[in-house]
Amino acid sequence: MAKNSKQKVLDAIYIAVAQVNELRPSDSQLECVESELVLGESSKLDSLGFVTLMVGIEQAVKDGFGSCPSLAIELTKQETSVKDIGDLATFITDTLD
């Protein structure tokens, strides 16, 4: 998938981040940057926040591309290397390829 497609995936992710941030206190909002952690102990998300974000991303990506992998299932597998928004965008872009 072309580099501009990764940017479109990032744009979809940032839409979902903005929607999730509406539900979060101002001191724990996610930043719309590729280095923002979404998985791991240093992430600002608890398990419910993670699932909420993944559902929002899936919908935004489906709206833009017509399909999206089931992120909550794929990303909770032991072998995943996805930790931040940039990794997530790469994972989605590669999956849509």
Protein backbone atom coordinates (compact mmCIF):
# COMPACT_ATOMS: atom_id res chain seq x y z
CA MET A 1 0.00 0.00 0.00
CA ALA A 2 1.34 3.43 -0.86
CA LYS A 3 2.80 5.78 1.73
CA ASN A 4 -0.13 8.16 1.34
CA SER A 5 -2.38 5.24 2.31
CA LYS A 6 -0.52 4.94 5.63
CA GLN A 7 -1.24 8.63 6.13
CA LYS A 8 -4.93 7.97 5.43
CA VAL A 9 -4.85 5.17 8.02
CA LEU A 10 -3.21 7.57 10.49
CA ASP A 11 -5.93 10.12 9.76
CA ALA A 12 -8.57 7.48 10.55
CA ILE A 13 -6.75 6.56 13.77
CA TYR A 14 -6.61 10.23 14.79
CA ILE A 15 -10.37 10.56 14.24
CA ALA A 16 -10.90 7.65 16.64
CA VAL A 17 -8.41 9.11 19.14
CA ALA A 18 -10.29 12.42 19.12
CA GLN A 19 -13.57 10.59 19.78
CA VAL A 20 -12.06 8.59 22.65
CA ASN A 21 -10.50 11.75 24.11
CA GLU A 22 -13.99 13.26 24.41
CA LEU A 23 -14.65 10.60 27.06
CA ARG A 24 -11.36 10.98 28.92
CA PRO A 25 -10.22 13.50 31.53
CA SER A 26 -7.99 16.21 30.08
CA ASP A 27 -4.95 14.94 31.99
CA SER A 28 -5.13 11.45 30.44
CA GLN A 29 -5.97 12.22 26.83
CA LEU A 30 -4.07 10.58 24.02
CA GLU A 31 -1.95 12.65 21.67
CA CYS A 32 -2.38 12.36 17.92
CA VAL A 33 1.25 11.44 17.30
CA GLU A 34 2.75 8.21 16.01
CA SER A 35 4.75 7.70 19.21
CA GLU A 36 1.65 7.66 21.49
CA LEU A 37 1.57 4.28 23.25
CA VAL A 38 -1.62 2.23 22.95
CA LEU A 39 -0.37 -1.04 24.45
CA GLY A 40 1.87 -1.80 27.40
CA GLU A 41 2.32 -0.64 30.95
CA SER A 42 3.24 2.93 29.93
CA SER A 43 0.07 3.39 27.85
CA LYS A 44 -2.54 5.83 29.15
CA LEU A 45 -5.24 3.28 28.26
CA ASP A 46 -6.71 0.67 30.55
CA SER A 47 -8.25 -2.45 28.97
CA LEU A 48 -11.64 -0.80 28.43
CA GLY A 49 -10.03 2.29 26.92
CA PHE A 50 -7.95 0.08 24.62
CA VAL A 51 -10.99 -1.83 23.37
CA THR A 52 -12.98 1.40 22.94
CA LEU A 53 -10.16 2.91 20.87
CA MET A 54 -9.76 -0.23 18.75
CA VAL A 55 -13.50 -0.33 17.96
CA GLY A 56 -13.38 3.35 16.99
CA ILE A 57 -10.33 2.79 14.79
CA GLU A 58 -11.94 -0.23 13.12
CA GLN A 59 -15.00 1.86 12.26
CA ALA A 60 -12.98 4.81 10.98
CA VAL A 61 -10.78 2.54 8.84
CA LYS A 62 -13.82 0.66 7.51
CA ASP A 63 -15.41 4.01 6.59
CA GLY A 64 -12.29 5.02 4.69
CA PHE A 65 -11.16 1.72 3.17
CA GLY A 66 -14.15 -0.60 3.23
CA SER A 67 -12.58 -3.13 5.58
CA CYS A 68 -10.40 -3.45 8.68
CA PRO A 69 -8.99 -6.39 10.64
CA SER A 70 -10.42 -7.13 14.09
CA LEU A 71 -7.84 -5.12 15.99
CA ALA A 72 -8.68 -6.07 19.57
CA ILE A 73 -8.24 -9.74 18.69
CA GLU A 74 -5.14 -9.31 16.53
CA LEU A 75 -3.34 -6.96 18.89
CA THR A 76 -3.86 -8.94 22.08
CA LYS A 77 -2.03 -11.95 20.65
CA GLN A 78 1.19 -12.69 22.48
CA GLU A 79 3.43 -12.15 19.44
CA THR A 80 2.27 -8.66 18.47
CA SER A 81 4.93 -5.99 18.12
CA VAL A 82 2.42 -3.12 18.02
CA LYS A 83 2.96 -0.70 20.89
CA ASP A 84 2.15 2.78 19.56
CA ILE A 85 -0.02 4.58 17.01
CA GLY A 86 2.69 4.43 14.34
CA ASP A 87 3.04 0.65 14.76
CA LEU A 88 -0.74 0.36 14.62
CA ALA A 89 -0.94 2.35 11.38
CA THR A 90 1.76 0.17 9.82
CA PHE A 91 -0.04 -3.00 10.97
CA ILE A 92 -3.35 -1.85 9.49
CA THR A 93 -1.74 -0.64 6.27
CA ASP A 94 0.07 -3.97 5.83
CA THR A 95 -3.14 -5.89 6.56
CA LEU A 96 -5.10 -3.89 3.98
CA ASP A 97 -2.38 -4.47 1.37
